[in-house]
Amino acid sequence: MTQASAQHRAHFDFSISFANGGGMSGEGFRLDLPRPNLSAEEIGVLLVRHLGLALVRDVDLRGLRIVEETHRGSRGADAAAPGADRVIDLSHPIEAGMITYPGLPAPAITPHLTREDSREKYAPGTEFAMDIITMIGNTGTYLDAPYHRYADGGDLASLDLNTLVGIPAEVFHLRDSWSADRRGIEAVTLADRELAGSAVLLDTGWSSRFGTPEYAAGAPFLTEGGARFLVDVGVRIVGIDSLNIDYTESGGAPPAQVPAHGARFTAAPPAVRGFGTFPVRAFATTSESH
């Protein structure tokens, strides 16, 4: 993250009283800020918006600190003026020998026509390289179609591009929200936003282990309850930067640096019939203001 794009969060304790009686309080609260120079009053307004409260009379913030820190998805924090679009690549490059999922074969790249051989077939000064790649569908950054899991599910060629291209992205930055003894991402963690029609992207930080033995075990995952919740609210596509979105170590049936808001997500595979999973060039587009 460059200095120009640094993000900030407010740390504080708070008490809120309501005009019709009663109140609520919180300790050690953290809130994304659209800019670092907000007043306590402005941060109080953001807090009320984030919590979705009505009939608030007073907001008292205590121990307020503003810290340079990556946003986690507070509502209202990314309402910045639009700027020029930029593209953020979210994909692992594919290369011969790389291991994506432990136990699955690595891709092999071999020449079909070398540049040297092509010179004998074409006019002087003309040459080509044509190569063959052999790989399993679960390579690099890949997408699973329903056919991957269900024999009667739709294959890659059946997927509607309207569900894969330019989808409004909701990014949950969860690097400090799971631990080795509580790796499952639950529905309650994802319930504070309107998610219908969106691409939900789970940023767990696990991708920093990609290509190492540590990537193979202990990864965070989406729980069955979390998966059912996303289906019920109408999410179009879900992505995770982890070994697998499911809990792969259970032995049973699996459950089903982009800004938190404002980006659009694309992850389109080739339209292969009778195939259930394939690498994609996943990317997000967002404005420079983010």
Protein backbone atom coordinates (compact mmCIF):
# COMPACT_ATOMS: atom_id res chain seq x y z
CA MET A 1 0.00 0.00 0.00
CA THR A 2 1.48 3.36 -0.99
CA GLN A 3 1.34 6.39 1.26
CA ALA A 4 -1.15 8.02 -1.12
CA SER A 5 -3.59 5.14 -0.71
CA ALA A 6 -3.13 4.61 3.03
CA GLN A 7 -6.32 3.76 4.90
CA HIS A 8 -7.24 4.76 8.44
CA ARG A 9 -9.44 3.46 11.25
CA ALA A 10 -10.66 5.00 14.49
CA HIS A 11 -10.18 3.11 17.80
CA PHE A 12 -12.41 4.13 20.71
CA ASP A 13 -14.89 3.22 23.46
CA PHE A 14 -18.39 4.64 23.09
CA SER A 15 -21.73 5.25 24.77
CA ILE A 16 -24.91 5.96 22.83
CA SER A 17 -28.21 7.21 24.27
CA PHE A 18 -31.53 7.15 22.42
CA ALA A 19 -34.20 9.83 22.23
CA ASN A 20 -36.91 7.36 23.23
CA GLY A 21 -34.95 6.02 26.20
CA GLY A 22 -32.25 3.43 26.76
CA GLY A 23 -28.73 3.23 25.43
CA MET A 24 -25.80 1.04 24.41
CA SER A 25 -22.04 1.03 24.81
CA GLY A 26 -18.97 -0.66 23.42
CA GLU A 27 -15.31 -1.06 24.27
CA GLY A 28 -12.31 -1.34 21.96
CA PHE A 29 -14.43 -0.52 18.89
CA ARG A 30 -12.76 0.01 15.52
CA LEU A 31 -14.29 1.88 12.59
CA ASP A 32 -13.06 2.49 9.04
CA LEU A 33 -12.61 6.17 8.12
CA PRO A 34 -12.91 7.68 4.61
CA ARG A 35 -10.13 10.14 5.54
CA PRO A 36 -7.93 10.59 8.64
CA ASN A 37 -8.88 14.15 9.61
CA LEU A 38 -12.46 13.56 10.78
CA SER A 39 -13.71 15.19 13.96
CA ALA A 40 -15.12 13.18 16.86
CA GLU A 41 -18.59 14.39 15.88
CA GLU A 42 -18.14 13.14 12.30
CA ILE A 43 -16.86 9.79 13.56
CA GLY A 44 -19.91 9.58 15.82
CA VAL A 45 -22.15 9.99 12.76
CA LEU A 46 -20.22 7.26 10.93
CA LEU A 47 -20.66 4.98 13.96
CA VAL A 48 -24.44 5.51 13.96
CA ARG A 49 -24.60 4.79 10.21
CA HIS A 50 -22.42 1.70 10.56
CA LEU A 51 -24.59 0.28 13.35
CA GLY A 52 -27.82 1.19 11.52
CA LEU A 53 -29.27 3.01 14.53
CA ALA A 54 -32.29 5.31 14.67
CA LEU A 55 -33.51 7.96 17.15
CA VAL A 56 -30.01 8.54 18.54
CA ARG A 57 -29.78 11.45 20.98
CA ASP A 58 -26.09 11.51 21.96
CA VAL A 59 -22.84 9.77 21.03
CA ASP A 60 -19.91 9.93 23.44
CA LEU A 61 -16.53 8.70 22.19
CA ARG A 62 -13.74 8.02 24.70
CA GLY A 63 -10.06 7.32 24.14
CA LEU A 64 -10.34 8.17 20.44
CA ARG A 65 -7.27 7.28 18.36
CA ILE A 66 -6.91 7.41 14.57
CA VAL A 67 -4.55 4.75 13.25
CA GLU A 68 -3.24 3.96 9.76
CA GLU A 69 -4.78 0.54 9.20
CA THR A 70 -6.41 -1.44 6.39
CA HIS A 71 -10.18 -1.07 6.17
CA ARG A 72 -12.33 -4.00 7.31
CA GLY A 73 -15.62 -2.99 5.68
CA SER A 74 -17.43 -0.47 7.89
CA ARG A 75 -20.48 0.99 6.17
CA GLY A 76 -20.00 4.54 4.88
CA ALA A 77 -16.19 4.58 5.03
CA ASP A 78 -15.55 4.21 1.30
CA ALA A 79 -17.90 6.92 0.08
CA ALA A 80 -15.08 8.85 -1.57
CA ALA A 81 -15.27 10.79 -4.81
CA PRO A 82 -14.82 8.60 -7.89
CA GLY A 83 -11.52 8.69 -9.72
CA ALA A 84 -9.92 6.96 -12.67
CA ASP A 85 -10.45 3.21 -12.76
CA ARG A 86 -7.58 0.87 -12.03
CA VAL A 87 -7.34 -2.89 -12.26
CA ILE A 88 -6.13 -5.04 -9.34
CA ASP A 89 -4.91 -8.50 -10.35
CA LEU A 90 -6.11 -11.17 -7.91
CA SER A 91 -4.63 -14.22 -9.65
CA HIS A 92 -1.67 -16.52 -9.05
CA PRO A 93 0.44 -16.81 -12.23
CA ILE A 94 0.56 -20.37 -13.54
CA GLU A 95 3.96 -21.95 -14.20
CA ALA A 96 5.28 -25.42 -14.79
CA GLY A 97 5.72 -27.43 -11.60
CA MET A 98 3.67 -25.20 -9.31
CA ILE A 99 1.56 -26.92 -6.64
CA THR A 100 -1.83 -25.37 -5.95
CA TYR A 101 -3.59 -28.08 -3.99
CA PRO A 102 -1.47 -30.70 -2.20
CA GLY A 103 -1.80 -34.13 -3.80
CA LEU A 104 -2.93 -32.82 -7.18
CA PRO A 105 -0.56 -32.82 -10.18
CA ALA A 106 1.44 -29.76 -11.12
CA PRO A 107 1.06 -28.24 -14.60
CA ALA A 108 3.52 -29.32 -17.31
CA ILE A 109 4.39 -27.05 -20.23
CA THR A 110 6.04 -28.62 -23.29
CA PRO A 111 6.77 -27.25 -26.77
CA HIS A 112 4.67 -28.31 -29.75
CA LEU A 113 6.51 -26.07 -32.20
CA THR A 114 9.69 -24.29 -31.17
CA ARG A 115 10.79 -21.00 -32.67
CA GLU A 116 13.77 -22.71 -34.19
CA ASP A 117 11.62 -25.35 -35.91
CA SER A 118 9.11 -22.78 -37.10
CA ARG A 119 11.77 -20.94 -39.10
CA GLU A 120 11.92 -23.91 -41.48
CA LYS A 121 8.17 -23.70 -42.17
CA TYR A 122 7.60 -19.96 -42.67
CA ALA A 123 9.02 -17.07 -44.64
CA PRO A 124 12.39 -15.61 -43.56
CA GLY A 125 12.05 -13.47 -40.46
CA THR A 126 8.82 -15.17 -39.37
CA GLU A 127 8.76 -17.45 -36.35
CA PHE A 128 6.30 -18.75 -33.78
CA ALA A 129 6.23 -20.65 -30.51
CA MET A 130 3.36 -23.06 -29.89
CA ASP A 131 3.24 -24.85 -26.55
CA ILE A 132 1.12 -27.47 -24.81
CA ILE A 133 0.05 -27.12 -21.20
CA THR A 134 -1.22 -30.14 -19.28
CA MET A 135 -2.88 -29.30 -15.99
CA ILE A 136 -5.71 -30.19 -13.69
CA GLY A 137 -8.57 -27.69 -13.49
CA ASN A 138 -7.76 -26.87 -9.85
CA THR A 139 -4.64 -24.89 -10.73
CA GLY A 140 -3.68 -21.41 -9.60
CA THR A 141 -6.67 -19.14 -9.08
CA TYR A 142 -9.59 -21.23 -10.27
CA LEU A 143 -13.38 -21.25 -10.34
CA ASP A 144 -15.67 -24.16 -9.51
CA ALA A 145 -18.86 -24.64 -11.53
CA PRO A 146 -21.73 -26.68 -10.04
CA TYR A 147 -20.67 -29.65 -12.21
CA HIS A 148 -17.50 -29.92 -10.11
CA ARG A 149 -19.59 -31.13 -7.17
CA TYR A 150 -22.85 -32.36 -8.71
CA ALA A 151 -23.18 -34.71 -11.70
CA ASP A 152 -26.26 -32.87 -12.96
CA GLY A 153 -24.92 -29.39 -12.21
CA GLY A 154 -24.07 -26.81 -14.83
CA ASP A 155 -20.61 -27.02 -16.40
CA LEU A 156 -18.24 -24.16 -17.20
CA ALA A 157 -19.89 -23.54 -20.57
CA SER A 158 -23.27 -23.09 -18.88
CA LEU A 159 -22.17 -20.24 -16.60
CA ASP A 160 -23.83 -16.89 -17.27
CA LEU A 161 -21.22 -14.15 -17.79
CA ASN A 162 -23.59 -11.79 -15.99
CA THR A 163 -22.68 -13.67 -12.80
CA LEU A 164 -18.92 -13.51 -13.46
CA VAL A 165 -18.04 -10.14 -14.99
CA GLY A 166 -18.16 -6.72 -13.35
CA ILE A 167 -20.00 -7.89 -10.25
CA PRO A 168 -20.17 -5.39 -7.34
CA ALA A 169 -17.62 -6.67 -4.83
CA GLU A 170 -18.02 -6.81 -1.07
CA VAL A 171 -14.63 -7.57 0.49
CA PHE A 172 -14.43 -8.82 4.07
CA HIS A 173 -10.96 -8.21 5.48
CA LEU A 174 -10.78 -11.02 8.04
CA ARG A 175 -7.07 -11.36 8.78
CA ASP A 176 -7.66 -10.63 12.46
CA SER A 177 -11.03 -12.39 12.70
CA TRP A 178 -9.99 -16.05 12.80
CA SER A 179 -7.45 -18.10 14.72
CA ALA A 180 -5.95 -21.58 14.65
CA ASP A 181 -8.61 -22.88 17.02
CA ARG A 182 -11.50 -21.00 15.37
CA ARG A 183 -10.89 -21.07 11.64
CA GLY A 184 -14.49 -21.18 10.39
CA ILE A 185 -16.01 -17.96 9.00
CA GLU A 186 -19.58 -17.83 10.28
CA ALA A 187 -22.71 -16.15 8.92
CA VAL A 188 -22.70 -13.54 11.72
CA THR A 189 -19.36 -12.22 10.45
CA LEU A 190 -20.91 -11.48 7.06
CA ALA A 191 -24.30 -10.18 8.16
CA ASP A 192 -23.67 -6.43 8.47
CA ARG A 193 -24.06 -5.54 4.76
CA GLU A 194 -26.51 -5.78 1.89
CA LEU A 195 -25.00 -8.57 -0.21
CA ALA A 196 -27.69 -9.47 -2.78
CA GLY A 197 -26.23 -9.63 -6.28
CA SER A 198 -22.65 -9.13 -5.10
CA ALA A 199 -19.37 -11.00 -5.29
CA VAL A 200 -18.27 -11.74 -1.72
CA LEU A 201 -14.48 -11.93 -1.39
CA LEU A 202 -12.97 -13.25 1.85
CA ASP A 203 -9.52 -11.81 2.57
CA THR A 204 -7.99 -14.09 5.22
CA GLY A 205 -4.29 -13.49 4.52
CA TRP A 206 -3.74 -17.21 3.88
CA SER A 207 -2.50 -16.59 0.32
CA SER A 208 0.82 -15.38 1.77
CA ARG A 209 1.58 -19.10 2.29
CA PHE A 210 0.84 -20.06 -1.34
CA GLY A 211 3.56 -22.29 -2.76
CA THR A 212 4.85 -23.35 0.67
CA PRO A 213 4.12 -26.48 2.77
CA GLU A 214 2.28 -24.28 5.28
CA TYR A 215 -0.44 -23.60 2.69
CA ALA A 216 -1.63 -27.22 2.89
CA ALA A 217 -3.11 -27.40 6.39
CA GLY A 218 -4.81 -25.23 8.99
CA ALA A 219 -6.46 -22.87 6.49
CA PRO A 220 -9.50 -20.71 7.32
CA PHE A 221 -12.75 -21.65 5.57
CA LEU A 222 -16.42 -20.74 5.17
CA THR A 223 -18.69 -22.71 7.48
CA GLU A 224 -21.83 -24.47 6.26
CA GLY A 225 -23.92 -21.84 8.01
CA GLY A 226 -21.93 -19.09 6.33
CA ALA A 227 -22.40 -20.71 2.92
CA ARG A 228 -26.16 -21.14 3.42
CA PHE A 229 -26.45 -17.51 4.51
CA LEU A 230 -24.73 -16.25 1.34
CA VAL A 231 -27.00 -18.41 -0.82
CA ASP A 232 -30.10 -17.21 1.01
CA VAL A 233 -29.26 -13.50 0.57
CA GLY A 234 -28.59 -13.92 -3.17
CA VAL A 235 -24.81 -13.63 -3.50
CA ARG A 236 -23.67 -14.35 -7.07
CA ILE A 237 -20.12 -15.60 -6.51
CA VAL A 238 -17.85 -16.20 -3.50
CA GLY A 239 -14.07 -16.16 -3.44
CA ILE A 240 -11.47 -16.85 -0.77
CA ASP A 241 -7.67 -16.46 -0.69
CA SER A 242 -7.28 -19.77 1.12
CA LEU A 243 -6.59 -23.42 0.28
CA ASN A 244 -10.31 -24.08 -0.23
CA ILE A 245 -13.54 -22.35 0.69
CA ASP A 246 -14.70 -25.60 2.35
CA TYR A 247 -13.36 -27.31 5.47
CA THR A 248 -11.28 -29.91 3.63
CA GLU A 249 -9.97 -31.65 6.76
CA SER A 250 -13.34 -32.73 8.13
CA GLY A 251 -13.54 -35.95 6.11
CA GLY A 252 -17.23 -35.30 5.51
CA ALA A 253 -19.35 -33.50 2.92
CA PRO A 254 -18.13 -29.92 2.31
CA PRO A 255 -20.48 -26.97 2.92
CA ALA A 256 -20.88 -25.03 0.32
CA GLN A 257 -6.07 -5.52 -1.49
CA VAL A 258 -9.46 -4.63 -2.78
CA PRO A 259 -11.46 -1.95 -0.94
CA ALA A 260 -14.29 -3.24 1.21
CA HIS A 261 -16.89 -1.55 -1.03
CA GLY A 262 -17.01 0.05 -4.45
CA ALA A 263 -14.98 -2.37 -6.57
CA ARG A 264 -16.25 -4.68 -9.30
CA PHE A 265 -15.07 -8.27 -9.54
CA THR A 266 -14.46 -10.41 -12.63
CA ALA A 267 -13.44 -14.10 -12.76
CA ALA A 268 -14.40 -15.74 -16.06
CA PRO A 269 -13.13 -19.19 -17.15
CA PRO A 270 -13.21 -20.55 -20.71
CA ALA A 271 -16.53 -22.08 -21.75
CA VAL A 272 -15.54 -25.77 -21.59
CA ARG A 273 -18.38 -28.27 -21.89
CA GLY A 274 -18.36 -31.25 -19.51
CA PHE A 275 -15.77 -29.59 -17.24
CA GLY A 276 -16.32 -28.35 -13.71
CA THR A 277 -13.34 -26.25 -12.65
CA PHE A 278 -10.70 -24.18 -14.42
CA PRO A 279 -8.21 -21.35 -13.79
CA VAL A 280 -9.45 -17.79 -14.21
CA ARG A 281 -7.82 -14.39 -14.48
CA ALA A 282 -9.55 -12.89 -11.47
CA PHE A 283 -9.36 -9.13 -11.06
CA ALA A 284 -11.11 -6.18 -9.50
CA THR A 285 -11.67 -2.74 -10.98
CA THR A 286 -11.89 0.23 -8.67
CA SER A 287 -11.35 3.98 -8.77
CA GLU A 288 -8.03 5.56 -7.86
CA SER A 289 -9.75 7.27 -4.92
CA HIS A 290 -9.81 3.87 -3.16
